[in-house]
Amino acid sequence: MGYYITQLDSKIFISNENKSKALQAIKTVNRRHYDWLVNNYETFLNAQSLEGGLLDWGYISEYDVIGNIINVQIDKEKMGGEEEIFKAMSPFIEDGSYIEYRGDDGKQWKWIFEKGKMIEKVARLVYDD
């Protein structure tokens, strides 16, 4: 069981200076969400980099030559803990960043990051007249 998701689009920017703070933030996520970790809980808690911590949650980081994270790509099929980890990291994600998903039930949504907050926008299907 579970809720299958597909990542449709994203642009996530976390500066090299903020990566350690973002890692500490995701390590404080309520433990009940840790069932969704790709690796085990202890491996995640011992992650030395944000890239490693995100990989434990099923996300591959893309980065530039100076180490800024410039995007993330999902590397799993089922949703689990995404909302909590991205909310935890939101103070460290650059304004204008976003990540967009579609669920197995057709629901489509986007999380937009502004002023240290994560805002959810749900897509609506509208037919032309």
N, C-alpha and C. Protein backbone atom coordinates (compact mmCIF):
# COMPACT_ATOMS: atom_id res chain seq x y z
N MET A 1 0.85 -1.18 0.00
CA MET A 1 0.00 0.00 0.00
C MET A 1 0.89 1.24 0.00
N GLY A 2 0.26 2.35 0.13
CA GLY A 2 0.98 3.62 0.14
C GLY A 2 0.45 4.52 -0.95
N TYR A 3 0.93 5.71 -0.98
CA TYR A 3 0.50 6.72 -1.94
C TYR A 3 1.65 6.96 -2.90
N TYR A 4 1.45 6.58 -4.15
CA TYR A 4 2.49 6.73 -5.17
C TYR A 4 2.49 8.16 -5.68
N ILE A 5 3.68 8.72 -5.86
CA ILE A 5 3.81 10.07 -6.37
C ILE A 5 4.84 10.11 -7.49
N THR A 6 4.67 11.12 -8.34
CA THR A 6 5.63 11.43 -9.39
C THR A 6 6.02 12.89 -9.24
N GLN A 7 7.30 13.16 -9.25
CA GLN A 7 7.77 14.54 -9.22
C GLN A 7 7.68 15.08 -10.64
N LEU A 8 6.94 16.16 -10.83
CA LEU A 8 6.74 16.73 -12.15
C LEU A 8 7.79 17.77 -12.51
N ASP A 9 8.13 18.59 -11.55
CA ASP A 9 9.05 19.70 -11.81
C ASP A 9 9.61 20.18 -10.48
N SER A 10 10.74 20.84 -10.52
CA SER A 10 11.28 21.41 -9.30
C SER A 10 12.41 22.37 -9.62
N LYS A 11 12.61 23.25 -8.68
CA LYS A 11 13.79 24.13 -8.66
C LYS A 11 14.02 24.43 -7.18
N ILE A 12 14.90 23.71 -6.58
CA ILE A 12 15.20 23.86 -5.16
C ILE A 12 16.63 24.37 -5.03
N PHE A 13 16.80 25.49 -4.33
CA PHE A 13 18.14 26.04 -4.13
C PHE A 13 18.40 26.17 -2.64
N ILE A 14 19.48 25.53 -2.18
CA ILE A 14 19.95 25.66 -0.80
C ILE A 14 21.43 26.00 -0.88
N SER A 15 21.78 27.16 -0.35
CA SER A 15 23.18 27.59 -0.44
C SER A 15 24.09 26.66 0.37
N ASN A 16 25.32 26.61 -0.05
CA ASN A 16 26.31 25.81 0.64
C ASN A 16 26.38 26.20 2.12
N GLU A 17 26.23 27.49 2.41
CA GLU A 17 26.28 27.98 3.79
C GLU A 17 25.12 27.48 4.64
N ASN A 18 23.99 27.16 4.03
CA ASN A 18 22.80 26.73 4.76
C ASN A 18 22.60 25.22 4.81
N LYS A 19 23.46 24.46 4.14
CA LYS A 19 23.24 23.02 4.08
C LYS A 19 23.33 22.33 5.44
N SER A 20 24.27 22.70 6.28
CA SER A 20 24.37 22.04 7.59
C SER A 20 23.17 22.38 8.46
N LYS A 21 22.65 23.60 8.37
CA LYS A 21 21.45 23.98 9.12
C LYS A 21 20.24 23.19 8.63
N ALA A 22 20.13 23.03 7.31
CA ALA A 22 19.02 22.26 6.75
C ALA A 22 19.10 20.79 7.16
N LEU A 23 20.31 20.24 7.21
CA LEU A 23 20.49 18.86 7.66
C LEU A 23 20.03 18.71 9.10
N GLN A 24 20.45 19.62 9.97
CA GLN A 24 20.02 19.56 11.37
C GLN A 24 18.50 19.69 11.47
N ALA A 25 17.90 20.51 10.63
CA ALA A 25 16.45 20.70 10.65
C ALA A 25 15.71 19.41 10.29
N ILE A 26 16.18 18.68 9.27
CA ILE A 26 15.46 17.45 8.91
C ILE A 26 15.70 16.34 9.93
N LYS A 27 16.80 16.44 10.67
CA LYS A 27 17.04 15.44 11.72
C LYS A 27 16.10 15.64 12.91
N THR A 28 15.40 16.77 12.97
CA THR A 28 14.46 17.01 14.07
C THR A 28 13.02 16.64 13.72
N VAL A 29 12.78 16.16 12.50
CA VAL A 29 11.44 15.77 12.09
C VAL A 29 10.94 14.66 13.01
N ASN A 30 9.67 14.72 13.34
CA ASN A 30 9.05 13.74 14.24
C ASN A 30 9.42 12.32 13.81
N ARG A 31 9.85 11.52 14.75
CA ARG A 31 10.37 10.18 14.45
C ARG A 31 9.34 9.28 13.77
N ARG A 32 8.04 9.54 13.94
CA ARG A 32 7.04 8.67 13.31
C ARG A 32 7.16 8.68 11.79
N HIS A 33 7.80 9.68 11.22
CA HIS A 33 7.97 9.76 9.77
C HIS A 33 9.19 8.97 9.29
N TYR A 34 10.01 8.49 10.21
CA TYR A 34 11.22 7.80 9.82
C TYR A 34 10.98 6.43 9.21
N ASP A 35 9.77 5.92 9.29
CA ASP A 35 9.47 4.65 8.62
C ASP A 35 9.66 4.75 7.12
N TRP A 36 9.64 5.96 6.60
CA TRP A 36 9.75 6.17 5.15
C TRP A 36 11.18 6.31 4.67
N LEU A 37 12.14 6.25 5.59
CA LEU A 37 13.53 6.38 5.18
C LEU A 37 13.95 5.22 4.28
N VAL A 38 14.74 5.54 3.27
CA VAL A 38 15.28 4.51 2.38
C VAL A 38 16.26 3.64 3.17
N ASN A 39 17.12 4.28 3.95
CA ASN A 39 18.04 3.56 4.84
C ASN A 39 17.43 3.53 6.24
N ASN A 40 18.13 2.98 7.19
CA ASN A 40 17.57 2.92 8.54
C ASN A 40 17.79 4.24 9.29
N TYR A 41 17.12 4.35 10.40
CA TYR A 41 17.13 5.56 11.23
C TYR A 41 18.54 5.94 11.67
N GLU A 42 19.32 4.98 12.11
CA GLU A 42 20.68 5.27 12.58
C GLU A 42 21.56 5.79 11.45
N THR A 43 21.42 5.21 10.26
CA THR A 43 22.20 5.69 9.11
C THR A 43 21.86 7.14 8.83
N PHE A 44 20.56 7.46 8.86
CA PHE A 44 20.13 8.83 8.61
C PHE A 44 20.70 9.78 9.67
N LEU A 45 20.57 9.43 10.94
CA LEU A 45 21.06 10.32 12.01
C LEU A 45 22.56 10.55 11.92
N ASN A 46 23.28 9.61 11.32
CA ASN A 46 24.74 9.75 11.18
C ASN A 46 25.15 10.42 9.87
N ALA A 47 24.18 10.84 9.07
CA ALA A 47 24.51 11.52 7.81
C ALA A 47 25.37 12.75 8.10
N GLN A 48 26.43 12.89 7.35
CA GLN A 48 27.37 14.00 7.55
C GLN A 48 27.10 15.17 6.60
N SER A 49 26.21 14.96 5.63
CA SER A 49 25.92 16.02 4.66
C SER A 49 24.42 16.05 4.38
N LEU A 50 23.95 17.20 3.94
CA LEU A 50 22.55 17.31 3.56
C LEU A 50 22.25 16.39 2.38
N GLU A 51 23.19 16.29 1.45
CA GLU A 51 22.99 15.40 0.31
C GLU A 51 22.78 13.97 0.78
N GLY A 52 23.57 13.53 1.77
CA GLY A 52 23.42 12.18 2.32
C GLY A 52 22.10 12.01 3.05
N GLY A 53 21.71 13.02 3.81
CA GLY A 53 20.42 12.96 4.52
C GLY A 53 19.25 12.91 3.56
N LEU A 54 19.31 13.72 2.50
CA LEU A 54 18.22 13.70 1.50
C LEU A 54 18.18 12.37 0.76
N LEU A 55 19.34 11.80 0.50
CA LEU A 55 19.39 10.49 -0.15
C LEU A 55 18.71 9.44 0.72
N ASP A 56 18.89 9.53 2.02
CA ASP A 56 18.21 8.61 2.93
C ASP A 56 16.69 8.76 2.86
N TRP A 57 16.20 9.95 2.50
CA TRP A 57 14.76 10.18 2.33
C TRP A 57 14.29 9.85 0.91
N GLY A 58 15.23 9.48 0.03
CA GLY A 58 14.85 9.09 -1.33
C GLY A 58 14.97 10.22 -2.34
N TYR A 59 15.83 11.19 -2.08
CA TYR A 59 16.04 12.32 -2.99
C TYR A 59 17.50 12.44 -3.38
N ILE A 60 17.74 12.60 -4.66
CA ILE A 60 19.09 12.82 -5.18
C ILE A 60 19.29 14.32 -5.36
N SER A 61 20.38 14.84 -4.82
CA SER A 61 20.67 16.27 -4.91
C SER A 61 21.51 16.56 -6.15
N GLU A 62 21.21 17.67 -6.77
CA GLU A 62 22.06 18.21 -7.83
C GLU A 62 22.71 19.45 -7.26
N TYR A 63 23.97 19.68 -7.58
CA TYR A 63 24.65 20.83 -7.01
C TYR A 63 25.58 21.45 -8.03
N ASP A 64 25.95 22.72 -7.75
CA ASP A 64 26.85 23.43 -8.65
C ASP A 64 28.30 23.24 -8.19
N VAL A 65 29.22 23.91 -8.87
CA VAL A 65 30.65 23.69 -8.62
C VAL A 65 31.10 24.19 -7.25
N ILE A 66 30.34 25.08 -6.62
CA ILE A 66 30.75 25.55 -5.29
C ILE A 66 29.97 24.87 -4.17
N GLY A 67 29.14 23.88 -4.52
CA GLY A 67 28.49 23.07 -3.50
C GLY A 67 27.07 23.45 -3.14
N ASN A 68 26.52 24.49 -3.77
CA ASN A 68 25.11 24.82 -3.53
C ASN A 68 24.23 23.71 -4.10
N ILE A 69 23.18 23.36 -3.39
CA ILE A 69 22.20 22.44 -3.97
C ILE A 69 21.32 23.26 -4.90
N ILE A 70 21.24 22.84 -6.16
CA ILE A 70 20.47 23.60 -7.15
C ILE A 70 19.18 22.88 -7.56
N ASN A 71 19.01 21.65 -7.09
CA ASN A 71 17.76 20.93 -7.34
C ASN A 71 17.81 19.59 -6.62
N VAL A 72 16.64 18.97 -6.50
CA VAL A 72 16.54 17.61 -5.97
C VAL A 72 15.59 16.83 -6.86
N GLN A 73 15.86 15.53 -6.99
CA GLN A 73 15.02 14.64 -7.78
C GLN A 73 14.63 13.45 -6.94
N ILE A 74 13.36 13.11 -6.96
CA ILE A 74 12.88 11.97 -6.19
C ILE A 74 13.42 10.68 -6.80
N ASP A 75 13.78 9.75 -5.94
CA ASP A 75 14.33 8.47 -6.37
C ASP A 75 13.61 7.34 -5.66
N LYS A 76 12.29 7.48 -5.53
CA LYS A 76 11.43 6.47 -4.92
C LYS A 76 10.04 6.65 -5.49
N GLU A 77 9.17 5.70 -5.22
CA GLU A 77 7.82 5.74 -5.80
C GLU A 77 6.76 6.23 -4.84
N LYS A 78 6.92 5.97 -3.55
CA LYS A 78 5.87 6.27 -2.59
C LYS A 78 6.19 7.50 -1.77
N MET A 79 5.14 8.26 -1.46
CA MET A 79 5.29 9.43 -0.63
C MET A 79 5.46 9.00 0.83
N GLY A 80 6.29 9.71 1.52
CA GLY A 80 6.48 9.43 2.94
C GLY A 80 7.42 10.43 3.57
N GLY A 81 6.87 11.37 4.29
CA GLY A 81 7.68 12.34 5.01
C GLY A 81 8.08 13.57 4.23
N GLU A 82 7.74 13.63 2.94
CA GLU A 82 8.14 14.78 2.13
C GLU A 82 7.69 16.11 2.73
N GLU A 83 6.42 16.18 3.06
CA GLU A 83 5.90 17.45 3.58
C GLU A 83 6.66 17.89 4.83
N GLU A 84 6.94 16.96 5.70
CA GLU A 84 7.64 17.28 6.95
C GLU A 84 9.08 17.70 6.71
N ILE A 85 9.81 17.00 5.84
CA ILE A 85 11.22 17.38 5.67
C ILE A 85 11.35 18.69 4.91
N PHE A 86 10.48 18.94 3.91
CA PHE A 86 10.58 20.20 3.19
C PHE A 86 10.13 21.37 4.05
N LYS A 87 9.13 21.16 4.91
CA LYS A 87 8.76 22.22 5.87
C LYS A 87 9.92 22.52 6.80
N ALA A 88 10.58 21.48 7.29
CA ALA A 88 11.71 21.67 8.21
C ALA A 88 12.84 22.44 7.54
N MET A 89 13.07 22.19 6.26
CA MET A 89 14.15 22.86 5.53
C MET A 89 13.76 24.23 5.00
N SER A 90 12.48 24.56 5.02
CA SER A 90 12.02 25.78 4.35
C SER A 90 12.74 27.07 4.77
N PRO A 91 13.14 27.24 6.02
CA PRO A 91 13.89 28.48 6.34
C PRO A 91 15.24 28.58 5.62
N PHE A 92 15.71 27.47 5.08
CA PHE A 92 17.04 27.44 4.46
C PHE A 92 16.97 27.28 2.93
N ILE A 93 15.76 27.23 2.39
CA ILE A 93 15.55 27.11 0.94
C ILE A 93 15.31 28.50 0.38
N GLU A 94 15.97 28.82 -0.72
CA GLU A 94 15.88 30.15 -1.32
C GLU A 94 14.46 30.45 -1.80
N ASP A 95 14.04 31.71 -1.58
CA ASP A 95 12.74 32.16 -2.08
C ASP A 95 12.62 31.91 -3.58
N GLY A 96 11.43 31.51 -3.99
CA GLY A 96 11.18 31.21 -5.40
C GLY A 96 11.42 29.76 -5.76
N SER A 97 11.98 28.99 -4.84
CA SER A 97 12.16 27.56 -5.09
C SER A 97 10.79 26.87 -5.03
N TYR A 98 10.69 25.72 -5.68
CA TYR A 98 9.43 24.97 -5.68
C TYR A 98 9.69 23.51 -6.01
N ILE A 99 8.70 22.67 -5.69
CA ILE A 99 8.71 21.27 -6.09
C ILE A 99 7.26 20.88 -6.36
N GLU A 100 7.03 20.19 -7.46
CA GLU A 100 5.67 19.87 -7.90
C GLU A 100 5.52 18.36 -8.06
N TYR A 101 4.37 17.84 -7.59
CA TYR A 101 4.09 16.41 -7.61
C TYR A 101 2.71 16.12 -8.22
N ARG A 102 2.55 14.86 -8.63
CA ARG A 102 1.23 14.30 -8.95
C ARG A 102 1.11 12.98 -8.22
N GLY A 103 -0.05 12.80 -7.54
CA GLY A 103 -0.31 11.56 -6.82
C GLY A 103 -0.98 10.53 -7.69
N ASP A 104 -1.02 9.30 -7.21
CA ASP A 104 -1.62 8.21 -8.00
C ASP A 104 -3.13 8.38 -8.18
N ASP A 105 -3.75 9.29 -7.45
CA ASP A 105 -5.17 9.58 -7.60
C ASP A 105 -5.43 10.76 -8.54
N GLY A 106 -4.38 11.30 -9.15
CA GLY A 106 -4.51 12.40 -10.08
C GLY A 106 -4.33 13.78 -9.45
N LYS A 107 -4.32 13.85 -8.12
CA LYS A 107 -4.12 15.13 -7.45
C LYS A 107 -2.74 15.68 -7.83
N GLN A 108 -2.69 16.97 -8.08
CA GLN A 108 -1.43 17.61 -8.43
C GLN A 108 -1.24 18.83 -7.52
N TRP A 109 -0.05 18.98 -6.98
CA TRP A 109 0.22 20.10 -6.09
C TRP A 109 1.66 20.54 -6.21
N LYS A 110 1.90 21.75 -5.73
CA LYS A 110 3.23 22.36 -5.77
C LYS A 110 3.49 23.00 -4.42
N TRP A 111 4.70 22.81 -3.91
CA TRP A 111 5.13 23.50 -2.71
C TRP A 111 6.07 24.62 -3.17
N ILE A 112 5.73 25.83 -2.77
CA ILE A 112 6.50 27.01 -3.12
C ILE A 112 7.15 27.53 -1.83
N PHE A 113 8.39 27.96 -1.92
CA PHE A 113 9.13 28.42 -0.76
C PHE A 113 9.32 29.93 -0.83
N GLU A 114 8.78 30.63 0.17
CA GLU A 114 8.86 32.08 0.25
C GLU A 114 9.02 32.51 1.69
N LYS A 115 9.96 33.41 1.94
CA LYS A 115 10.16 34.00 3.27
C LYS A 115 10.27 32.96 4.38
N GLY A 116 10.99 31.87 4.09
CA GLY A 116 11.23 30.85 5.09
C GLY A 116 10.07 29.91 5.34
N LYS A 117 9.04 29.99 4.52
CA LYS A 117 7.84 29.15 4.68
C LYS A 117 7.61 28.32 3.43
N MET A 118 6.91 27.21 3.62
CA MET A 118 6.49 26.36 2.51
C MET A 118 4.98 26.56 2.33
N ILE A 119 4.59 26.91 1.13
CA ILE A 119 3.18 27.16 0.81
C ILE A 119 2.73 26.12 -0.20
N GLU A 120 1.59 25.46 0.09
CA GLU A 120 1.07 24.45 -0.84
C GLU A 120 0.03 25.07 -1.76
N LYS A 121 0.18 24.81 -3.05
CA LYS A 121 -0.80 25.22 -4.06
C LYS A 121 -1.31 23.95 -4.73
N VAL A 122 -2.62 23.77 -4.77
CA VAL A 122 -3.21 22.58 -5.38
C VAL A 122 -3.72 22.96 -6.77
N ALA A 123 -3.38 22.15 -7.76
CA ALA A 123 -3.81 22.40 -9.14
C ALA A 123 -5.29 22.06 -9.30
N ARG A 124 -5.96 22.81 -10.15
CA ARG A 124 -7.35 22.53 -10.49
C ARG A 124 -7.45 22.32 -12.00
N LEU A 125 -8.16 21.30 -12.39
CA LEU A 125 -8.40 21.03 -13.79
C LEU A 125 -9.61 21.85 -14.23
N VAL A 126 -9.44 22.64 -15.29
CA VAL A 126 -10.52 23.49 -15.80
C VAL A 126 -10.65 23.21 -17.29
N TYR A 127 -11.89 22.94 -17.72
CA TYR A 127 -12.15 22.73 -19.14
C TYR A 127 -12.53 24.03 -19.81
N ASP A 128 -12.01 24.25 -21.01
CA ASP A 128 -12.39 25.43 -21.78
C ASP A 128 -13.84 25.32 -22.22
N ASP A 129 -14.48 26.46 -22.41
CA ASP A 129 -15.88 26.47 -22.89
C ASP A 129 -15.96 26.07 -24.34
